[in-house]
Amino acid sequence: MKATLLATLIFFLFLSTPIKTTYPIVLMHGISCGHENMALVVDWIHEYLGEDVYVKNMEIGDGYWDSIFNSMFESVSEFANNIQSDPILSSAEKINIIAHSQGGLITRGYIELFNDPPVSTYITWSSPHAGVFGIPLLNIEWVDKLLQETPYIALAQKEVNPAQYWKDPLKYQDYLENCVYLPLLNNELTKKNPDYRKNIISLDQFVMVKSLIDNTIVPRESTWFGFYDENMNVISYNTTVAYKEDWIGIRTLAESNRLFHRTTMCQHKDYPLKKCLDNFLTNTLPFLK
């Protein structure tokens, strides 16, 4: 009983004492929202890490619409430009990133293609790292229909962000040949880009948070790099060829104890909200340095 009380006291002392983080933090919101959706996360960082921590709450384009209708590569380039034009971030030894949902694919694109300044701790909240194959719930009728029926046509691949990481396990070759973003990012093509792997394995920590009740990312195991096989069975990340052959360095991170799989009970859209503060305290805060 006394031990339990002591552990509880230490936990609350930990939360009430600001922890100094060495590096500035960049936040990246998800699809169908803007940087304002991450405003509360800025407050949490300042409350628990100190007011002097520099936080960049990133916006790409105009927020909501450009989070849906854009090129993922253009989003990655703008993300990199915003970092490199920021005097504090551009001069930092390293930066930390916290990304929600689609923001995880944009920020991972930054790491693999740019990584200048390099990323130390990389934290993603329900980001579809292995892609999505299910109703995206954007509530834009023609977009939802397009993604379900013809995601690999040129128009979708040019203009609709989710189409660029839509992965059909029943038409895998079609995905490889026509999906313009995710196959490259995940080094799934025959010709691998060694720089993508090199930049990922340069991370000090990669933390992937999966919600056990997420109905937006389909399958939810994609947030840990798991996905469907050709028979529509969900397979674990560490049984995939991509992991075994270490296409982007995930296996290297795991074997050097720098890859962390965490779970939460947050609904997908609720990660940046007060009801999911516990996810920040348990799955995010301890990894920031």
Protein backbone atom coordinates (compact mmCIF):
# COMPACT_ATOMS: atom_id res chain seq x y z
CA MET A 1 0.00 0.00 0.00
CA LYS A 2 2.79 2.40 0.97
CA ALA A 3 4.67 1.54 -2.21
CA THR A 4 1.60 2.31 -4.30
CA LEU A 5 1.11 5.67 -2.59
CA LEU A 6 4.78 6.52 -3.08
CA ALA A 7 4.63 5.62 -6.79
CA THR A 8 1.53 7.79 -7.20
CA LEU A 9 3.22 10.71 -5.44
CA ILE A 10 6.30 10.42 -7.65
CA PHE A 11 4.09 10.32 -10.77
CA PHE A 12 2.30 13.54 -9.83
CA LEU A 13 5.56 15.24 -8.88
CA PHE A 14 6.86 14.25 -12.32
CA LEU A 15 3.85 15.83 -14.01
CA SER A 16 4.02 19.02 -11.97
CA THR A 17 7.75 19.60 -12.59
CA PRO A 18 8.65 20.94 -16.04
CA ILE A 19 11.02 18.65 -17.95
CA LYS A 20 13.60 20.43 -20.04
CA THR A 21 13.62 19.35 -23.65
CA THR A 22 16.77 19.93 -25.65
CA TYR A 23 15.14 20.38 -29.02
CA PRO A 24 12.31 22.50 -30.47
CA ILE A 25 9.08 20.68 -31.33
CA VAL A 26 7.13 20.73 -34.58
CA LEU A 27 3.46 19.73 -34.68
CA MET A 28 1.66 18.54 -37.81
CA HIS A 29 -2.12 18.16 -37.92
CA GLY A 30 -4.09 15.55 -39.80
CA ILE A 31 -6.52 15.54 -42.70
CA SER A 32 -9.67 17.69 -42.89
CA CYS A 33 -8.43 20.15 -40.27
CA GLY A 34 -5.88 22.91 -39.75
CA HIS A 35 -3.21 23.92 -37.29
CA GLU A 36 -5.83 25.26 -34.90
CA ASN A 37 -6.77 21.66 -34.13
CA MET A 38 -3.35 21.19 -32.51
CA ALA A 39 -3.54 24.37 -30.40
CA LEU A 40 -4.24 22.49 -27.18
CA VAL A 41 -1.14 20.35 -27.75
CA VAL A 42 0.92 23.54 -27.76
CA ASP A 43 -0.54 24.37 -24.34
CA TRP A 44 0.26 20.87 -23.03
CA ILE A 45 3.87 21.15 -24.16
CA HIS A 46 4.32 24.49 -22.43
CA GLU A 47 2.59 23.27 -19.27
CA TYR A 48 4.60 20.06 -18.89
CA LEU A 49 7.89 20.95 -20.60
CA GLY A 50 8.15 24.65 -19.83
CA GLU A 51 7.16 27.93 -21.47
CA ASP A 52 10.61 28.34 -23.01
CA VAL A 53 10.21 25.33 -25.32
CA TYR A 54 9.92 26.50 -28.91
CA VAL A 55 6.89 24.98 -30.64
CA LYS A 56 6.05 25.31 -34.33
CA ASN A 57 2.40 24.45 -34.95
CA MET A 58 2.71 23.78 -38.66
CA GLU A 59 0.21 24.69 -41.34
CA ILE A 60 0.36 23.52 -44.94
CA GLY A 61 -1.38 25.83 -47.40
CA ASP A 62 -4.80 26.93 -46.19
CA GLY A 63 -5.29 24.09 -43.74
CA TYR A 64 -8.57 22.24 -44.21
CA TRP A 65 -8.87 22.17 -48.00
CA ASP A 66 -5.19 21.66 -48.74
CA SER A 67 -5.12 18.80 -46.25
CA ILE A 68 -7.50 16.98 -48.61
CA PHE A 69 -6.80 18.35 -52.10
CA ASN A 70 -3.10 18.61 -52.66
CA SER A 71 -0.04 16.65 -53.65
CA MET A 72 1.61 14.83 -50.77
CA PHE A 73 5.02 15.64 -52.23
CA GLU A 74 4.07 19.33 -52.39
CA SER A 75 2.95 19.13 -48.77
CA VAL A 76 6.29 17.58 -47.80
CA SER A 77 8.20 20.28 -49.69
CA GLU A 78 6.21 23.05 -48.03
CA PHE A 79 6.72 21.44 -44.63
CA ALA A 80 10.48 21.36 -45.24
CA ASN A 81 10.52 24.94 -46.51
CA ASN A 82 8.61 26.15 -43.46
CA ILE A 83 11.16 24.51 -41.19
CA GLN A 84 14.20 25.69 -43.10
CA SER A 85 12.90 29.27 -43.28
CA ASP A 86 12.30 29.39 -39.53
CA PRO A 87 15.43 30.88 -37.88
CA ILE A 88 15.06 28.82 -34.69
CA LEU A 89 14.29 25.50 -36.34
CA SER A 90 16.82 25.87 -39.14
CA SER A 91 19.63 26.54 -36.66
CA ALA A 92 18.65 23.74 -34.26
CA GLU A 93 20.97 20.77 -33.80
CA LYS A 94 17.89 18.54 -34.06
CA ILE A 95 14.12 18.87 -33.85
CA ASN A 96 11.33 16.73 -32.45
CA ILE A 97 8.09 16.04 -34.35
CA ILE A 98 4.61 15.11 -33.15
CA ALA A 99 2.25 14.29 -36.02
CA HIS A 100 -1.40 13.26 -36.13
CA SER A 101 -2.95 11.00 -38.78
CA GLN A 102 -2.02 12.08 -42.34
CA GLY A 103 0.46 14.47 -40.76
CA GLY A 104 2.59 11.42 -40.01
CA LEU A 105 3.01 10.66 -43.71
CA ILE A 106 3.89 14.28 -44.47
CA THR A 107 6.45 14.46 -41.70
CA ARG A 108 7.94 11.06 -42.52
CA GLY A 109 8.32 12.38 -46.05
CA TYR A 110 10.32 15.26 -44.58
CA ILE A 111 12.56 12.84 -42.69
CA GLU A 112 13.19 10.58 -45.67
CA LEU A 113 13.59 13.28 -48.32
CA PHE A 114 15.15 16.16 -46.35
CA ASN A 115 15.94 15.60 -42.66
CA ASP A 116 17.67 18.97 -42.46
CA PRO A 117 17.70 19.81 -39.63
CA PRO A 118 17.57 16.16 -38.57
CA VAL A 119 14.80 14.73 -36.40
CA SER A 120 15.59 13.30 -32.97
CA THR A 121 12.29 12.03 -31.56
CA TYR A 122 9.50 11.27 -34.02
CA ILE A 123 6.03 10.58 -32.62
CA THR A 124 2.99 9.70 -34.73
CA TRP A 125 -0.59 9.45 -33.48
CA SER A 126 -2.62 7.01 -35.61
CA SER A 127 -0.75 7.72 -38.83
CA PRO A 128 -1.44 5.28 -41.70
CA HIS A 129 2.19 4.31 -42.29
CA ALA A 130 1.32 1.24 -44.35
CA GLY A 131 -1.56 2.96 -46.15
CA VAL A 132 -5.34 2.77 -45.92
CA PHE A 133 -7.89 0.50 -47.52
CA GLY A 134 -11.33 1.41 -46.27
CA ILE A 135 -13.87 4.20 -46.14
CA PRO A 136 -11.92 7.37 -45.35
CA LEU A 137 -14.98 9.09 -43.82
CA LEU A 138 -14.17 12.47 -45.36
CA ASN A 139 -17.90 13.07 -45.83
CA ILE A 140 -17.29 14.51 -49.28
CA GLU A 141 -19.43 12.20 -51.37
CA TRP A 142 -17.54 12.26 -54.65
CA VAL A 143 -14.16 11.93 -52.92
CA ASP A 144 -15.30 8.95 -50.85
CA LYS A 145 -16.68 7.31 -54.01
CA LEU A 146 -13.50 8.05 -55.95
CA LEU A 147 -11.30 6.47 -53.30
CA GLN A 148 -13.41 3.34 -53.15
CA GLU A 149 -13.78 2.88 -56.91
CA THR A 150 -10.95 4.56 -58.88
CA PRO A 151 -8.21 5.77 -56.50
CA TYR A 152 -5.39 5.23 -59.01
CA ILE A 153 -6.62 7.40 -61.88
CA ALA A 154 -4.41 10.37 -62.71
CA LEU A 155 -6.82 13.00 -61.35
CA ALA A 156 -7.05 11.33 -57.95
CA GLN A 157 -3.30 10.83 -57.76
CA LYS A 158 -2.69 14.48 -58.59
CA GLU A 159 -5.34 16.17 -56.50
CA VAL A 160 -6.59 13.97 -53.64
CA ASN A 161 -4.18 13.36 -50.77
CA PRO A 162 -5.71 10.11 -49.43
CA ALA A 163 -5.55 8.56 -52.90
CA GLN A 164 -1.77 8.92 -52.71
CA TYR A 165 -1.60 6.50 -49.80
CA TRP A 166 -4.57 4.30 -50.72
CA LYS A 167 -3.23 0.73 -50.82
CA ASP A 168 -5.41 -1.93 -52.40
CA PRO A 169 -4.09 -5.39 -51.37
CA LEU A 170 -6.25 -6.97 -54.06
CA LYS A 171 -4.66 -4.79 -56.75
CA TYR A 172 -1.16 -4.50 -55.37
CA GLN A 173 0.56 -4.20 -58.75
CA ASP A 174 -1.85 -1.42 -59.74
CA TYR A 175 -0.96 0.32 -56.49
CA LEU A 176 2.77 0.00 -57.14
CA GLU A 177 2.50 1.28 -60.69
CA ASN A 178 0.03 4.12 -60.19
CA CYS A 179 0.08 5.34 -56.59
CA VAL A 180 2.45 8.30 -56.68
CA TYR A 181 3.46 8.69 -53.02
CA LEU A 182 3.31 5.79 -50.59
CA PRO A 183 5.13 3.13 -52.66
CA LEU A 184 8.09 5.50 -52.91
CA LEU A 185 7.95 6.58 -49.26
CA ASN A 186 7.88 2.96 -48.09
CA ASN A 187 10.57 1.86 -50.56
CA GLU A 188 8.20 -0.74 -52.04
CA LEU A 189 9.40 -0.34 -55.62
CA THR A 190 12.05 -2.62 -57.07
CA LYS A 191 14.61 0.17 -57.02
CA LYS A 192 15.12 1.20 -53.40
CA ASN A 193 16.29 4.63 -52.31
CA PRO A 194 19.06 4.12 -49.72
CA ASP A 195 18.71 7.69 -48.43
CA TYR A 196 15.19 6.96 -47.17
CA ARG A 197 16.50 4.15 -45.00
CA LYS A 198 19.57 6.12 -43.90
CA ASN A 199 17.43 9.01 -42.69
CA ILE A 200 14.99 6.81 -40.81
CA ILE A 201 17.73 4.93 -38.97
CA SER A 202 19.25 8.27 -37.95
CA LEU A 203 16.27 8.83 -35.62
CA ASP A 204 16.97 8.67 -31.89
CA GLN A 205 13.42 7.43 -31.27
CA PHE A 206 10.39 6.55 -33.39
CA VAL A 207 7.17 6.27 -31.37
CA MET A 208 4.04 4.95 -33.10
CA VAL A 209 0.74 5.24 -31.24
CA LYS A 210 -2.15 3.02 -32.29
CA SER A 211 -5.71 3.51 -31.09
CA LEU A 212 -7.44 0.27 -30.21
CA ILE A 213 -10.80 1.83 -31.14
CA ASP A 214 -9.77 3.72 -34.30
CA ASN A 215 -12.35 3.25 -37.06
CA THR A 216 -10.88 5.89 -39.39
CA ILE A 217 -7.58 4.23 -40.24
CA VAL A 218 -8.41 0.93 -41.95
CA PRO A 219 -6.82 -1.31 -40.96
CA ARG A 220 -5.78 0.34 -37.70
CA GLU A 221 -2.65 -1.86 -37.65
CA SER A 222 -1.33 0.37 -40.44
CA THR A 223 -0.35 2.83 -37.70
CA TRP A 224 2.32 0.26 -36.72
CA PHE A 225 3.16 -0.66 -40.36
CA GLY A 226 0.88 -3.71 -40.31
CA PHE A 227 -1.53 -4.26 -43.21
CA TYR A 228 -3.70 -6.70 -45.15
CA ASP A 229 -2.15 -9.52 -47.13
CA GLU A 230 -3.58 -10.65 -50.48
CA ASN A 231 -6.22 -12.70 -48.64
CA MET A 232 -7.36 -9.68 -46.60
CA ASN A 233 -5.83 -11.02 -43.40
CA VAL A 234 -4.18 -8.37 -41.26
CA ILE A 235 -0.53 -9.21 -40.75
CA SER A 236 1.82 -7.79 -38.14
CA TYR A 237 4.47 -5.28 -39.16
CA ASN A 238 7.33 -7.62 -38.20
CA THR A 239 6.14 -10.42 -40.49
CA THR A 240 6.13 -8.28 -43.64
CA VAL A 241 8.82 -8.51 -46.31
CA ALA A 242 9.38 -4.77 -45.89
CA TYR A 243 10.35 -5.33 -42.25
CA LYS A 244 12.40 -8.48 -42.78
CA GLU A 245 14.40 -6.86 -45.59
CA ASP A 246 14.49 -3.54 -43.71
CA TRP A 247 13.40 -1.42 -46.67
CA ILE A 248 13.20 1.83 -44.70
CA GLY A 249 15.08 0.93 -41.54
CA ILE A 250 12.23 0.00 -39.22
CA ARG A 251 13.88 -3.32 -38.35
CA THR A 252 17.15 -1.54 -37.56
CA LEU A 253 15.34 0.82 -35.20
CA ALA A 254 13.56 -2.10 -33.51
CA GLU A 255 16.74 -4.10 -33.03
CA SER A 256 18.51 -1.10 -31.51
CA ASN A 257 15.61 -0.39 -29.11
CA ARG A 258 14.63 2.88 -30.78
CA LEU A 259 11.21 1.80 -32.11
CA PHE A 260 8.27 2.04 -29.70
CA HIS A 261 4.75 0.69 -30.18
CA ARG A 262 2.20 2.32 -27.89
CA THR A 263 -1.59 2.02 -27.63
CA THR A 264 -4.39 4.32 -26.58
CA MET A 265 -8.18 4.32 -26.39
CA CYS A 266 -8.54 7.66 -28.19
CA GLN A 267 -10.99 8.04 -31.02
CA HIS A 268 -9.12 9.09 -34.15
CA LYS A 269 -10.19 12.74 -34.19
CA ASP A 270 -9.77 13.17 -30.45
CA TYR A 271 -5.99 12.89 -30.11
CA PRO A 272 -5.43 16.69 -29.86
CA LEU A 273 -8.39 17.18 -27.49
CA LYS A 274 -8.58 17.30 -23.71
CA LYS A 275 -10.23 13.87 -23.53
CA CYS A 276 -6.95 12.41 -24.88
CA LEU A 277 -4.58 14.23 -22.56
CA ASP A 278 -3.64 10.86 -21.10
CA ASN A 279 -2.21 9.79 -24.46
CA PHE A 280 0.03 12.84 -24.40
CA LEU A 281 1.13 12.19 -20.81
CA THR A 282 1.82 8.46 -21.23
CA ASN A 283 2.71 7.98 -24.91
CA THR A 284 4.31 11.30 -25.83
CA LEU A 285 5.73 13.30 -22.94
CA PRO A 286 8.15 10.61 -21.67
CA PHE A 287 9.86 10.47 -25.10
CA LEU A 288 10.51 14.18 -25.56
CA LYS A 289 14.04 15.34 -24.83
